[in-house]
């Protein structure tokens, strides 16, 4: 019975991942919110899935629709609070802060990191210095908005 439930949950996650690529922004935002609720409800039991969704969700930060971006922020905040840590998302966040990303994505990723560090404090602070390096690199960014967010 447990194996069957796990298979059903995997199918549901696959369906939600497919919805993230849909052209209807309301559907995308709703799918992102459902993922956040799953992360909050299942907690550390959702860690592996939350980590694998990190790259996909951070990519949604470049969406033009503010509703999708806001839903993404809320979901990533819920993931970081209940399911995973900044260290778990270090690779996707480092990529989002890299020069290959758009200034908007870099700025939004800095906001997520800032909120996470401020609200969780030492309890879930990164164990490594990757955060410092990533933020320091954005302080010399060509975009003024990204620099301002790095100093915030």
Protein backbone atom coordinates (compact mmCIF):
# COMPACT_ATOMS: atom_id res chain seq x y z
CA UNK A 1 0.00 0.00 0.00
CA UNK A 2 2.83 2.38 0.87
CA UNK A 3 4.57 1.65 -2.43
CA UNK A 4 1.36 2.44 -4.32
CA UNK A 5 0.99 5.77 -2.47
CA UNK A 6 4.59 6.68 -3.33
CA UNK A 7 3.98 5.91 -7.02
CA UNK A 8 0.85 8.06 -7.01
CA UNK A 9 2.78 10.92 -5.39
CA UNK A 10 5.49 10.62 -8.06
CA UNK A 11 2.87 10.81 -10.79
CA UNK A 12 1.35 13.89 -9.14
CA UNK A 13 4.76 15.56 -8.99
CA UNK A 14 5.36 14.78 -12.66
CA UNK A 15 2.02 16.38 -13.52
CA UNK A 16 2.89 19.48 -11.49
CA UNK A 17 6.26 19.73 -13.23
CA UNK A 18 4.48 19.61 -16.59
CA UNK A 19 2.15 22.40 -15.49
CA UNK A 20 5.15 24.61 -14.72
CA UNK A 21 5.78 24.81 -18.46
CA UNK A 22 2.20 25.68 -19.40
CA UNK A 23 1.39 28.90 -21.25
CA UNK A 24 -1.42 29.87 -18.86
CA UNK A 25 0.21 31.95 -16.12
CA UNK A 26 -2.61 31.32 -13.63
CA UNK A 27 -2.10 27.57 -14.01
CA UNK A 28 1.67 27.94 -13.59
CA UNK A 29 1.27 30.10 -10.47
CA UNK A 30 -1.21 27.61 -9.00
CA UNK A 31 1.12 24.67 -9.65
CA UNK A 32 3.95 26.56 -7.95
CA UNK A 33 1.73 27.28 -4.93
CA UNK A 34 0.74 23.59 -4.69
CA UNK A 35 4.42 22.62 -4.68
CA UNK A 36 5.01 25.08 -1.84
CA UNK A 37 2.12 23.60 0.13
CA UNK A 38 3.52 20.11 -0.41
CA UNK A 39 6.92 21.27 0.81
CA UNK A 40 5.42 22.90 3.89
CA UNK A 41 3.18 19.96 4.68
CA UNK A 42 5.64 17.14 4.10
CA UNK A 43 8.63 18.96 5.57
CA UNK A 44 11.91 17.10 5.42
CA UNK A 45 10.14 14.19 3.70
CA UNK A 46 9.92 16.45 0.65
CA UNK A 47 13.61 17.41 0.76
CA UNK A 48 14.76 15.46 -2.30
CA UNK A 49 11.91 16.79 -4.43
CA UNK A 50 12.38 20.36 -3.17
CA UNK A 51 16.07 20.23 -4.05
CA UNK A 52 15.35 18.89 -7.53
CA UNK A 53 12.77 21.64 -8.12
CA UNK A 54 15.18 24.40 -7.11
CA UNK A 55 16.59 25.00 -10.59
CA UNK A 56 13.16 24.92 -12.24
CA UNK A 57 11.68 27.35 -9.73
CA UNK A 58 14.62 29.74 -9.84
CA UNK A 59 14.22 29.78 -13.61
CA UNK A 60 10.63 30.99 -13.07
CA UNK A 61 12.00 34.18 -11.50
CA UNK A 62 12.56 35.58 -14.98
CA UNK A 63 8.87 35.29 -15.81
CA UNK A 64 7.22 38.57 -16.83
CA UNK A 65 4.09 37.86 -14.81
CA UNK A 66 4.43 39.19 -11.27
CA UNK A 67 1.98 36.56 -9.95
CA UNK A 68 4.27 33.74 -11.07
CA UNK A 69 7.32 35.46 -9.55
CA UNK A 70 5.49 36.08 -6.25
CA UNK A 71 4.29 32.45 -6.11
CA UNK A 72 7.85 31.32 -6.78
CA UNK A 73 9.16 33.47 -3.93
CA UNK A 74 6.55 32.08 -1.53
CA UNK A 75 7.25 28.49 -2.57
CA UNK A 76 11.02 28.82 -2.27
CA UNK A 77 10.57 30.47 1.14
CA UNK A 78 8.39 27.53 2.23
CA UNK A 79 10.95 25.05 0.89
CA UNK A 80 13.75 26.79 2.78
CA UNK A 81 11.69 26.94 5.96
CA UNK A 82 10.34 23.37 5.99
CA UNK A 83 12.03 21.11 3.45
CA UNK A 84 15.61 22.07 2.68
CA UNK A 85 18.38 24.55 3.46
CA UNK A 86 20.35 27.12 1.51
CA UNK A 87 23.16 24.57 1.30
CA UNK A 88 20.78 22.13 -0.42
CA UNK A 89 20.06 24.78 -3.07
CA UNK A 90 23.62 26.10 -3.33
CA UNK A 91 24.18 25.01 -6.94
CA UNK A 92 20.90 26.41 -8.34
CA UNK A 93 21.31 29.64 -6.35
CA UNK A 94 24.94 30.04 -7.43
CA UNK A 95 23.85 29.56 -11.05
CA UNK A 96 21.04 32.08 -10.59
CA UNK A 97 23.55 34.61 -9.28
CA UNK A 98 26.04 33.94 -12.07
CA UNK A 99 26.79 36.21 -15.00
CA UNK A 100 24.85 33.92 -17.36
CA UNK A 101 21.59 34.84 -15.61
CA UNK A 102 19.60 37.97 -16.31
CA UNK A 103 19.85 40.88 -13.87
CA UNK A 104 16.24 40.27 -12.80
CA UNK A 105 16.98 36.66 -11.85
CA UNK A 106 20.12 37.69 -9.96
CA UNK A 107 18.19 40.35 -8.05
CA UNK A 108 15.32 37.97 -7.21
CA UNK A 109 17.76 35.24 -6.08
CA UNK A 110 19.46 37.75 -3.78
CA UNK A 111 16.08 38.62 -2.29
CA UNK A 112 15.37 34.96 -1.56
CA UNK A 113 18.76 34.47 0.08
CA UNK A 114 18.39 37.67 2.09
CA UNK A 115 14.96 36.70 3.41
CA UNK A 116 16.12 33.19 4.22
CA UNK A 117 19.15 34.35 6.16
CA UNK A 118 17.17 37.04 7.99
CA UNK A 119 14.26 34.82 8.98
CA UNK A 120 16.08 31.60 9.76
CA UNK A 121 19.26 33.04 11.22
CA UNK A 122 21.90 30.66 12.50
CA UNK A 123 19.45 27.76 12.62
CA UNK A 124 19.66 27.14 8.87
CA UNK A 125 22.65 29.28 7.92
CA UNK A 126 24.86 27.82 5.19
CA UNK A 127 27.72 25.68 6.44
CA UNK A 128 30.06 26.85 3.70
CA UNK A 129 31.19 30.23 2.37
CA UNK A 130 29.52 29.87 -1.03
CA UNK A 131 26.91 32.48 -0.03
CA UNK A 132 29.53 35.11 0.72
CA UNK A 133 31.33 34.45 -2.55
CA UNK A 134 28.10 34.54 -4.55
CA UNK A 135 26.95 37.81 -2.98
CA UNK A 136 30.37 39.46 -3.30
CA UNK A 137 30.39 38.69 -7.03
CA UNK A 138 27.05 40.47 -7.48
CA UNK A 139 28.34 43.62 -5.76
CA UNK A 140 30.26 44.46 -8.94
CA UNK A 141 27.34 43.64 -11.21
CA UNK A 142 26.69 45.80 -14.26
CA UNK A 143 23.05 46.29 -13.22
CA UNK A 144 22.42 48.89 -10.55
CA UNK A 145 19.37 47.03 -9.23
CA UNK A 146 21.43 43.88 -8.65
CA UNK A 147 24.19 45.86 -6.89
CA UNK A 148 21.62 47.60 -4.68
CA UNK A 149 20.04 44.26 -3.73
CA UNK A 150 23.47 42.78 -2.97
CA UNK A 151 24.13 45.60 -0.51
CA UNK A 152 20.64 45.38 1.07
